[in-house]
Amino acid sequence: MPEAPSNSVQSELHQALVNANGEVQQLRTTIAAMREQLEKSRFEEQERIQRAVSASNDEVMQLRQTIAAMRDELEKARFSEQSKIQRAVATAHE
């Protein structure tokens, strides 16, 4: 029959097991913290992307509005010039 481990060996084994369990718990805690940080980083990146897309869309909208306003002004200027020409022609024929 094998001999039972001495108290000293049992104590060392028990301490090694306690240490290993402590290390496992620390690693699990570290992994959980790293997962949380990674998720936070992903969320922040998505927010940055959404802000950039939103800003780009806003700029496009502003540029379109500016173009529309400039087209209106150009059309008004053309109409004004046409009116002046027509009046000049009508005055010349009188």
C-alpha atoms as a PDB file:
ATOM      1  CA  MET A   1       0.000   0.000   0.000  1.00  0.00           C
ATOM      2  CA  PRO A   2       1.406   3.457  -0.946  1.00  0.00           C
ATOM      3  CA  GLU A   3       2.295   5.735   1.842  1.00  0.00           C
ATOM      4  CA  ALA A   4       0.036   8.705   2.566  1.00  0.00           C
ATOM      5  CA  PRO A   5       1.710  12.015   1.758  1.00  0.00           C
ATOM      6  CA  SER A   6       3.146  13.737   4.760  1.00  0.00           C
ATOM      7  CA  ASN A   7       1.493  16.832   6.171  1.00  0.00           C
ATOM      8  CA  SER A   8       4.248  18.938   4.697  1.00  0.00           C
ATOM      9  CA  VAL A   9       3.635  17.558   1.199  1.00  0.00           C
ATOM     10  CA  GLN A  10      -0.128  17.906   1.644  1.00  0.00           C
ATOM     11  CA  SER A  11       0.338  21.475   2.788  1.00  0.00           C
ATOM     12  CA  GLU A  12       2.536  22.257  -0.219  1.00  0.00           C
ATOM     13  CA  LEU A  13       0.022  20.660  -2.588  1.00  0.00           C
ATOM     14  CA  HIS A  14      -2.813  22.552  -0.969  1.00  0.00           C
ATOM     15  CA  GLN A  15      -0.878  25.834  -1.238  1.00  0.00           C
ATOM     16  CA  ALA A  16      -0.031  25.133  -4.892  1.00  0.00           C
ATOM     17  CA  LEU A  17      -3.713  24.459  -5.586  1.00  0.00           C
ATOM     18  CA  VAL A  18      -4.742  27.669  -3.801  1.00  0.00           C
ATOM     19  CA  ASN A  19      -2.121  29.620  -5.755  1.00  0.00           C
ATOM     20  CA  ALA A  20      -3.231  28.080  -9.050  1.00  0.00           C
ATOM     21  CA  ASN A  21      -6.889  28.853  -8.306  1.00  0.00           C
ATOM     22  CA  GLY A  22      -5.936  32.414  -7.406  1.00  0.00           C
ATOM     23  CA  GLU A  23      -4.021  32.799 -10.642  1.00  0.00           C
ATOM     24  CA  VAL A  24      -6.928  31.369 -12.644  1.00  0.00           C
ATOM     25  CA  GLN A  25      -9.278  33.872 -10.990  1.00  0.00           C
ATOM     26  CA  GLN A  26      -6.889  36.748 -11.731  1.00  0.00           C
ATOM     27  CA  LEU A  27      -6.659  35.640 -15.365  1.00  0.00           C
ATOM     28  CA  ARG A  28     -10.460  35.464 -15.625  1.00  0.00           C
ATOM     29  CA  THR A  29     -10.724  38.941 -14.152  1.00  0.00           C
ATOM     30  CA  THR A  30      -8.097  40.222 -16.582  1.00  0.00           C
ATOM     31  CA  ILE A  31      -9.889  38.610 -19.524  1.00  0.00           C
ATOM     32  CA  ALA A  32     -13.215  40.140 -18.456  1.00  0.00           C
ATOM     33  CA  ALA A  33     -11.609  43.581 -18.147  1.00  0.00           C
ATOM     34  CA  MET A  34      -9.930  43.230 -21.539  1.00  0.00           C
ATOM     35  CA  ARG A  35     -13.215  42.140 -23.156  1.00  0.00           C
ATOM     36  CA  GLU A  36     -14.948  45.134 -21.630  1.00  0.00           C
ATOM     37  CA  GLN A  37     -12.222  47.474 -22.894  1.00  0.00           C
ATOM     38  CA  LEU A  38     -12.374  45.916 -26.357  1.00  0.00           C
ATOM     39  CA  GLU A  39     -16.150  46.327 -26.470  1.00  0.00           C
ATOM     40  CA  LYS A  40     -15.802  49.935 -25.324  1.00  0.00           C
ATOM     41  CA  SER A  41     -13.199  50.582 -28.033  1.00  0.00           C
ATOM     42  CA  ARG A  42     -15.452  49.058 -30.686  1.00  0.00           C
ATOM     43  CA  PHE A  43     -18.383  51.157 -29.500  1.00  0.00           C
ATOM     44  CA  GLU A  44     -16.274  54.345 -29.524  1.00  0.00           C
ATOM     45  CA  GLU A  45     -15.018  53.521 -33.029  1.00  0.00           C
ATOM     46  CA  GLN A  46     -18.598  53.055 -34.243  1.00  0.00           C
ATOM     47  CA  GLU A  47     -19.522  56.409 -32.694  1.00  0.00           C
ATOM     48  CA  ARG A  48     -16.589  58.103 -34.463  1.00  0.00           C
ATOM     49  CA  ILE A  49     -17.630  56.550 -37.763  1.00  0.00           C
ATOM     50  CA  GLN A  50     -21.238  57.629 -37.278  1.00  0.00           C
ATOM     51  CA  ARG A  51     -20.157  61.189 -36.432  1.00  0.00           C
ATOM     52  CA  ALA A  52     -17.923  61.308 -39.512  1.00  0.00           C
ATOM     53  CA  VAL A  53     -20.692  60.007 -41.773  1.00  0.00           C
ATOM     54  CA  SER A  54     -23.162  62.454 -40.251  1.00  0.00           C
ATOM     55  CA  ALA A  55     -20.772  65.364 -40.727  1.00  0.00           C
ATOM     56  CA  SER A  56     -20.174  64.314 -44.314  1.00  0.00           C
ATOM     57  CA  ASN A  57     -23.907  64.060 -44.967  1.00  0.00           C
ATOM     58  CA  ASP A  58     -24.418  67.505 -43.427  1.00  0.00           C
ATOM     59  CA  GLU A  59     -21.721  68.964 -45.661  1.00  0.00           C
ATOM     60  CA  VAL A  60     -23.276  67.361 -48.750  1.00  0.00           C
ATOM     61  CA  MET A  61     -26.678  68.792 -47.797  1.00  0.00           C
ATOM     62  CA  GLN A  62     -25.205  72.264 -47.289  1.00  0.00           C
ATOM     63  CA  LEU A  63     -23.396  72.091 -50.629  1.00  0.00           C
ATOM     64  CA  ARG A  64     -26.591  71.030 -52.395  1.00  0.00           C
ATOM     65  CA  GLN A  65     -28.463  73.926 -50.798  1.00  0.00           C
ATOM     66  CA  THR A  66     -25.716  76.314 -51.856  1.00  0.00           C
ATOM     67  CA  ILE A  67     -25.833  74.995 -55.419  1.00  0.00           C
ATOM     68  CA  ALA A  68     -29.624  75.356 -55.525  1.00  0.00           C
ATOM     69  CA  ALA A  69     -29.399  78.942 -54.236  1.00  0.00           C
ATOM     70  CA  MET A  70     -26.700  79.773 -56.791  1.00  0.00           C
ATOM     71  CA  ARG A  71     -28.794  78.273 -59.599  1.00  0.00           C
ATOM     72  CA  ASP A  72     -31.759  80.406 -58.480  1.00  0.00           C
ATOM     73  CA  GLU A  73     -29.578  83.521 -58.491  1.00  0.00           C
ATOM     74  CA  LEU A  74     -28.200  82.661 -61.915  1.00  0.00           C
ATOM     75  CA  GLU A  75     -31.722  82.111 -63.261  1.00  0.00           C
ATOM     76  CA  LYS A  76     -32.853  85.445 -61.811  1.00  0.00           C
ATOM     77  CA  ALA A  77     -29.853  87.170 -63.402  1.00  0.00           C
ATOM     78  CA  ARG A  78     -30.614  85.571 -66.781  1.00  0.00           C
ATOM     79  CA  PHE A  79     -34.281  86.566 -66.531  1.00  0.00           C
ATOM     80  CA  SER A  80     -33.292  90.112 -65.594  1.00  0.00           C
ATOM     81  CA  GLU A  81     -30.904  90.325 -68.557  1.00  0.00           C
ATOM     82  CA  GLN A  82     -33.559  88.947 -70.914  1.00  0.00           C
ATOM     83  CA  SER A  83     -36.050  91.515 -69.641  1.00  0.00           C
ATOM     84  CA  LYS A  84     -33.526  94.319 -70.171  1.00  0.00           C
ATOM     85  CA  ILE A  85     -32.813  93.092 -73.702  1.00  0.00           C
ATOM     86  CA  GLN A  86     -36.521  92.858 -74.521  1.00  0.00           C
ATOM     87  CA  ARG A  87     -37.167  96.351 -73.195  1.00  0.00           C
ATOM     88  CA  ALA A  88     -34.207  97.696 -75.154  1.00  0.00           C
ATOM     89  CA  VAL A  89     -35.447  96.015 -78.347  1.00  0.00           C
ATOM     90  CA  ALA A  90     -38.999  97.274 -77.754  1.00  0.00           C
ATOM     91  CA  THR A  91     -37.727 100.792 -77.106  1.00  0.00           C
ATOM     92  CA  ALA A  92     -35.587 100.666 -80.235  1.00  0.00           C
ATOM     93  CA  HIS A  93     -38.617  99.741 -82.393  1.00  0.00           C
ATOM     94  CA  GLU A  94     -40.754 102.597 -81.171  1.00  0.00           C
END
